[in-house]
Protein backbone atom coordinates (compact mmCIF):
# COMPACT_ATOMS: atom_id res chain seq x y z
CA MET A 1 -55.38 -3.06 -36.09
CA PRO A 2 -52.98 -5.25 -33.98
CA ASN A 3 -54.45 -6.85 -31.20
CA SER A 4 -51.55 -6.32 -28.95
CA ILE A 5 -52.22 -2.62 -28.73
CA ARG A 6 -56.03 -2.23 -28.56
CA THR A 7 -57.70 -3.90 -25.64
CA THR A 8 -61.03 -3.62 -23.74
CA SER A 9 -59.98 -5.80 -20.94
CA LYS A 10 -60.03 -4.30 -17.48
CA THR A 11 -57.79 -7.12 -16.24
CA ASN A 12 -55.15 -6.69 -19.02
CA ILE A 13 -54.71 -2.91 -18.37
CA SER A 14 -54.38 -2.94 -14.51
CA THR A 15 -52.04 -0.18 -13.33
CA SER A 16 -51.03 -1.70 -10.11
CA LYS A 17 -48.10 0.38 -8.90
CA THR A 18 -46.40 -2.80 -7.32
CA ASP A 19 -45.62 -4.13 -10.86
CA SER A 20 -43.40 -1.20 -11.82
CA LEU A 21 -42.56 2.30 -11.12
CA ALA A 22 -44.87 4.76 -12.91
CA THR A 23 -43.18 6.59 -15.65
CA PHE A 24 -46.29 8.13 -17.50
CA LYS A 25 -49.04 10.30 -16.20
CA ALA A 26 -52.12 12.25 -17.63
CA GLY A 27 -51.07 15.02 -19.71
CA ASP A 28 -47.76 13.61 -21.16
CA ASP A 29 -47.15 13.75 -24.73
CA VAL A 30 -46.17 10.42 -26.08
CA VAL A 31 -45.49 8.66 -29.29
CA CYS A 32 -46.42 5.14 -30.20
CA PRO A 33 -44.24 3.64 -33.12
CA LYS A 34 -46.82 0.89 -33.99
CA LEU A 35 -49.24 3.69 -34.93
CA GLY A 36 -47.00 5.91 -36.80
CA ASN A 37 -45.06 9.25 -35.98
CA GLY A 38 -47.79 10.95 -34.49
CA ILE A 39 -47.87 12.71 -30.94
CA HIS A 40 -50.56 11.95 -28.75
CA LYS A 41 -51.60 13.26 -25.29
CA LEU A 42 -52.49 10.91 -22.50
CA PHE A 43 -55.67 11.26 -20.26
CA ASP A 44 -57.13 9.22 -17.31
CA ASP A 45 -59.59 6.72 -18.40
CA LYS A 46 -61.81 6.68 -15.43
CA GLU A 47 -63.77 3.64 -16.75
CA TYR A 48 -60.92 1.39 -17.11
CA GLY A 49 -58.48 2.94 -14.46
CA CYS A 50 -55.72 3.44 -16.84
CA LEU A 51 -54.02 5.91 -19.18
CA ALA A 52 -55.35 6.36 -22.75
CA PHE A 53 -55.31 8.44 -25.84
CA THR A 54 -57.68 8.77 -28.75
CA THR A 55 -56.59 8.81 -32.56
CA ASN A 56 -58.56 8.19 -35.69
CA GLY A 57 -61.59 7.39 -33.67
CA GLU A 58 -60.10 4.53 -31.57
CA THR A 59 -58.90 4.73 -28.00
CA TYR A 60 -55.74 2.90 -26.98
CA ARG A 61 -55.21 2.11 -23.29
CA TYR A 62 -51.87 1.62 -21.15
CA ARG A 63 -50.48 1.03 -17.88
CA ASP A 64 -48.55 3.88 -16.21
CA ASP A 65 -45.37 2.05 -17.19
CA GLY A 66 -46.27 2.23 -20.84
CA LYS A 67 -47.22 -1.39 -21.47
CA VAL A 68 -50.65 -2.76 -22.36
CA SER A 69 -50.37 -5.83 -20.00
CA ARG A 70 -48.15 -6.57 -17.09
CA ASP A 71 -47.05 -9.61 -19.04
CA ASP A 72 -45.51 -7.39 -21.78
CA LEU A 73 -41.84 -7.37 -22.02
CA PHE A 74 -41.47 -3.74 -23.35
CA PRO A 75 -43.67 -0.60 -23.26
CA GLU A 76 -45.38 0.47 -26.39
CA ILE A 77 -45.52 4.10 -25.62
CA PHE A 78 -42.59 6.45 -25.21
CA HIS A 79 -42.03 10.28 -24.10
CA ASN A 80 -41.94 12.57 -26.87
CA THR A 81 -38.38 13.38 -26.68
CA GLY A 82 -35.43 13.26 -28.97
CA PRO A 83 -35.48 12.77 -32.95
CA THR A 84 -38.73 12.19 -34.67
CA PHE A 85 -39.48 8.62 -35.60
CA ILE A 86 -40.23 7.98 -39.29
CA PRO A 87 -42.25 5.13 -40.13
CA ALA A 88 -41.28 3.21 -43.21
CA ALA A 89 -44.70 3.56 -44.94
CA SER A 90 -44.34 7.22 -45.11
CA GLN A 91 -40.71 7.13 -46.60
CA LYS A 92 -39.73 6.34 -50.24
CA THR A 93 -40.21 2.91 -51.28
CA PHE A 94 -37.28 0.56 -50.86
CA ASP A 95 -35.20 -1.00 -53.76
CA ILE A 96 -32.34 -3.28 -54.41
CA GLY A 97 -29.04 -1.80 -53.09
CA ASP A 98 -30.62 0.21 -50.45
CA VAL A 99 -29.02 0.27 -46.74
CA VAL A 100 -31.81 -0.24 -44.31
CA LEU A 101 -32.52 -0.77 -40.54
CA CYS A 102 -34.60 -3.58 -39.13
CA PRO A 103 -34.78 -3.18 -35.45
CA SER A 104 -36.50 -6.47 -35.05
CA LEU A 105 -33.43 -8.20 -36.06
CA SER A 106 -30.30 -5.94 -34.98
CA SER A 107 -29.37 -2.38 -34.63
CA TYR A 108 -26.73 -2.85 -37.47
CA PRO A 109 -27.70 -1.83 -40.97
CA PHE A 110 -28.55 -4.28 -43.78
CA LEU A 111 -27.94 -4.19 -47.55
CA LEU A 112 -31.11 -5.17 -49.64
CA THR A 113 -30.82 -7.49 -52.51
CA ALA A 114 -33.14 -9.43 -54.97
CA ASP A 115 -34.46 -12.83 -53.92
CA PRO A 116 -31.52 -14.82 -53.96
CA TYR A 117 -33.35 -17.68 -55.48
CA GLY A 118 -35.04 -15.66 -58.22
CA ASN A 119 -38.55 -17.14 -57.45
CA ARG A 120 -40.54 -13.87 -56.18
CA ASN A 121 -40.51 -10.29 -56.79
CA VAL A 122 -39.36 -9.30 -53.19
CA LEU A 123 -36.48 -7.64 -51.55
CA ALA A 124 -34.17 -9.79 -49.41
CA LEU A 125 -31.59 -9.28 -46.53
CA GLU A 126 -29.25 -11.76 -44.95
CA PHE A 127 -28.87 -12.09 -41.22
CA ASP A 128 -27.05 -14.81 -39.45
CA GLY A 129 -27.07 -17.21 -42.38
CA SER A 130 -30.85 -16.89 -43.12
CA TYR A 131 -32.72 -14.73 -45.76
CA PHE A 132 -35.55 -12.44 -44.70
CA TYR A 133 -37.92 -11.11 -47.32
CA TYR A 134 -39.84 -7.81 -47.54
CA ASP A 135 -41.98 -5.88 -50.07
CA ALA A 136 -41.21 -2.44 -51.64
CA LYS A 137 -42.94 -0.78 -48.65
CA GLY A 138 -40.82 -2.49 -46.08
CA PHE A 139 -43.27 -4.99 -44.89
CA PHE A 140 -42.19 -8.43 -44.01
CA VAL A 141 -43.15 -11.26 -46.45
CA SER A 142 -42.93 -14.81 -45.27
CA ALA A 143 -40.94 -17.37 -47.55
CA ASN A 144 -44.18 -19.16 -48.41
CA ASP A 145 -46.23 -16.17 -49.21
CA ASP A 146 -46.38 -13.44 -52.23
CA GLU A 147 -47.71 -10.63 -50.11
CA THR A 148 -47.35 -9.38 -46.56
CA GLY A 149 -49.81 -10.20 -43.67
CA ASP A 150 -48.26 -7.53 -41.36
CA PHE A 151 -49.79 -4.32 -40.30
CA GLN A 152 -46.76 -2.49 -39.56
CA PRO A 153 -43.61 -2.18 -41.74
CA SER A 154 -40.14 -3.74 -40.54
CA LEU A 155 -37.70 -1.67 -42.57
CA TYR A 156 -36.45 1.86 -42.16
CA HIS A 157 -34.05 3.78 -44.20
CA ASN A 158 -30.48 4.12 -42.78
CA THR A 159 -30.47 7.72 -41.85
CA PRO A 160 -28.98 9.18 -38.71
CA SER A 161 -32.33 10.44 -37.45
CA ASN A 162 -33.83 6.93 -37.94
CA GLN A 163 -30.83 5.17 -36.04
CA LEU A 164 -31.07 7.62 -33.21
CA ALA A 165 -34.89 7.34 -33.00
CA ILE A 166 -34.86 3.45 -33.24
CA ASP A 167 -32.08 3.20 -30.36
CA ALA A 168 -34.20 5.66 -28.18
CA LEU A 169 -37.52 4.07 -28.91
CA TYR A 170 -36.51 0.24 -28.89
CA GLY A 171 -33.40 0.38 -26.81
CA ASN A 172 -31.80 -2.03 -29.03
CA THR A 173 -28.58 -3.55 -27.72
CA PRO A 174 -26.30 -4.25 -30.90
CA THR A 175 -26.70 -7.75 -32.14
CA ILE A 176 -23.39 -8.76 -33.95
CA PRO A 177 -24.16 -11.07 -36.92
CA SER A 178 -21.91 -14.38 -36.82
CA SER A 179 -20.29 -13.19 -40.23
CA GLN A 180 -18.90 -10.18 -38.42
CA ARG A 181 -17.55 -11.92 -35.38
CA LYS A 182 -13.67 -12.40 -35.16
CA VAL A 183 -13.17 -16.33 -34.62
CA ILE A 184 -9.84 -17.54 -33.20
CA ASP A 185 -9.15 -20.95 -34.73
CA ALA A 186 -7.10 -23.11 -32.03
CA THR A 187 -7.86 -26.41 -33.68
CA GLU A 188 -5.56 -28.97 -34.92
CA SER A 189 -5.54 -30.27 -38.56
CA ASP A 190 -6.90 -33.55 -37.61
CA ASP A 191 -9.89 -32.17 -35.47
CA ASN A 192 -13.31 -32.89 -36.89
CA GLU A 193 -15.38 -31.00 -34.23
CA ALA A 194 -14.85 -27.40 -32.88
CA VAL A 195 -16.64 -25.79 -30.00
CA LEU A 196 -17.15 -21.99 -30.03
CA MET A 197 -17.06 -20.23 -26.69
CA SER A 198 -17.08 -16.50 -25.80
CA PRO A 199 -13.64 -14.85 -24.72
CA CYS A 200 -15.32 -14.13 -21.29
CA MET A 201 -16.07 -17.80 -20.66
CA LEU A 202 -12.35 -18.74 -21.73
CA SER A 203 -11.14 -15.94 -19.52
CA ASP A 204 -13.05 -17.21 -16.41
CA THR A 205 -11.86 -20.60 -16.97
CA ALA A 206 -8.28 -19.55 -17.15
CA CYS A 207 -8.72 -17.54 -14.09
CA ASP A 208 -10.10 -20.50 -12.10
CA VAL A 209 -7.24 -22.68 -13.42
CA PHE A 210 -4.61 -20.05 -12.17
CA GLY A 211 -6.25 -19.77 -8.89
CA ALA A 212 -6.40 -23.30 -8.16
CA ALA A 213 -2.75 -23.67 -9.26
CA GLU A 214 -1.84 -20.79 -6.79
CA VAL A 215 -3.54 -22.65 -3.91
CA MET A 216 -1.82 -26.04 -4.80
CA HIS A 217 1.68 -24.01 -4.85
CA ASP A 218 0.85 -22.51 -1.37
CA ILE A 219 -0.18 -26.00 0.06
CA GLY A 220 3.06 -27.43 -1.23
CA GLN A 221 4.92 -24.60 0.64
CA LEU A 222 3.12 -25.31 3.95
CA LEU A 223 3.91 -29.10 3.66
CA ASN A 224 7.45 -28.17 3.12
CA LEU A 225 7.55 -26.12 6.14
CA ILE A 226 5.89 -28.81 8.25
CA TYR A 227 8.43 -31.55 6.84
CA ARG A 228 11.42 -29.20 7.86
CA GLU A 229 9.76 -28.56 11.31
CA ASP A 230 10.00 -25.00 10.67
CA ILE A 231 6.63 -24.20 12.44
CA SER A 232 5.26 -25.27 15.88
CA SER A 233 2.47 -27.91 16.22
CA ASN A 234 -0.05 -25.11 17.08
CA GLN A 235 0.88 -23.38 13.87
CA VAL A 236 0.41 -26.62 12.06
CA LYS A 237 -3.09 -27.10 13.53
CA SER A 238 -3.94 -23.54 12.49
CA MET A 239 -2.62 -23.72 8.97
CA ALA A 240 -4.46 -27.08 8.50
CA ARG A 241 -7.90 -25.53 9.40
CA LEU A 242 -7.23 -22.78 6.73
CA VAL A 243 -6.04 -25.33 4.11
CA HIS A 244 -9.24 -27.22 4.68
CA ASP A 245 -11.44 -24.35 4.18
CA THR A 246 -9.43 -23.31 1.25
CA THR A 247 -9.59 -26.58 -0.40
CA ASP A 248 -13.37 -26.90 0.11
CA ARG A 249 -13.94 -23.60 -1.31
CA TRP A 250 -11.83 -24.16 -4.58
CA HIS A 251 -13.58 -27.72 -4.82
CA SER A 252 -16.89 -25.85 -5.24
CA ILE A 253 -15.37 -23.41 -7.57
CA LEU A 254 -13.84 -26.03 -9.94
CA ASN A 255 -16.88 -28.22 -9.78
CA HIS A 256 -19.23 -25.25 -10.94
CA ARG A 257 -16.57 -24.66 -13.75
CA LEU A 258 -16.73 -28.33 -14.74
CA ASP A 259 -20.63 -28.17 -15.02
CA THR A 260 -20.28 -25.05 -17.19
CA LEU A 261 -17.69 -26.79 -19.52
CA ASN A 262 -19.55 -30.16 -19.53
CA LYS A 263 -22.66 -28.46 -21.33
CA PRO A 264 -20.96 -28.09 -24.83
CA LEU A 265 -18.39 -30.92 -24.10
CA GLU A 266 -21.22 -33.68 -23.84
CA GLN A 267 -22.49 -32.79 -27.25
CA THR A 268 -18.96 -33.72 -28.66
CA GLY A 269 -17.52 -37.26 -29.24
CA PHE A 270 -15.67 -36.86 -25.92
CA SER A 271 -18.78 -36.66 -23.89
CA LYS A 272 -18.71 -34.92 -20.51
CA VAL A 273 -16.08 -35.27 -17.63
CA GLU A 274 -17.62 -36.81 -14.67
CA GLY A 275 -16.87 -34.87 -11.49
């Protein structure tokens, strides 16, 4: 049984309401994907001061936010709402050519293939340039082993109900494999290095450059008015104060942008630009 689920420690299952908002209470019907697709009813465990349910002779204890420990990133139980979650172990076995879901990697489906190196009787899928291996029941098999050491399956058949259930239970944010990303190549033929950045970062940089150019243009206009003596000395003083505040602010903005650009730049042959 996975150690992360079962616990007898009173410390680990503290239900302090200062940690998070309570979402579960005694009497709630919940599901726990790590234990299968059964529905369980929570009760107050007075001895440990937490919520619990019992199945197959074992008691599993949780905080009121669905976590086992306050240090956990995600809850392990969920309210019994939405489509039924189907564990891979209760489905048909998997085979070459099957389209499957693997929520631990991505919310996108994968195509199962044979071991690309032909060394083992396992199934494989490719994600972000690496191969991951599984047995016919959907259990993960490490590259150095011939059989699984996991207690729970990792693969699920790509059905609408499974996709909805995985999205609801795990709250997956789609992870786009690099092979599916659109890459815009702005390099020259003689470039021997390339730096990939998100369009958002490029847009932020362009906005900062545009803003700084606008400020420089405005300052030039002001200097022209002063040169032609089109404004009074008092107006010059007022405008000088505004110019000082504006240039000081843009100095900070551009230095921050320079720090951001220097992080990937210092890994190239050009090194970073000193600010």
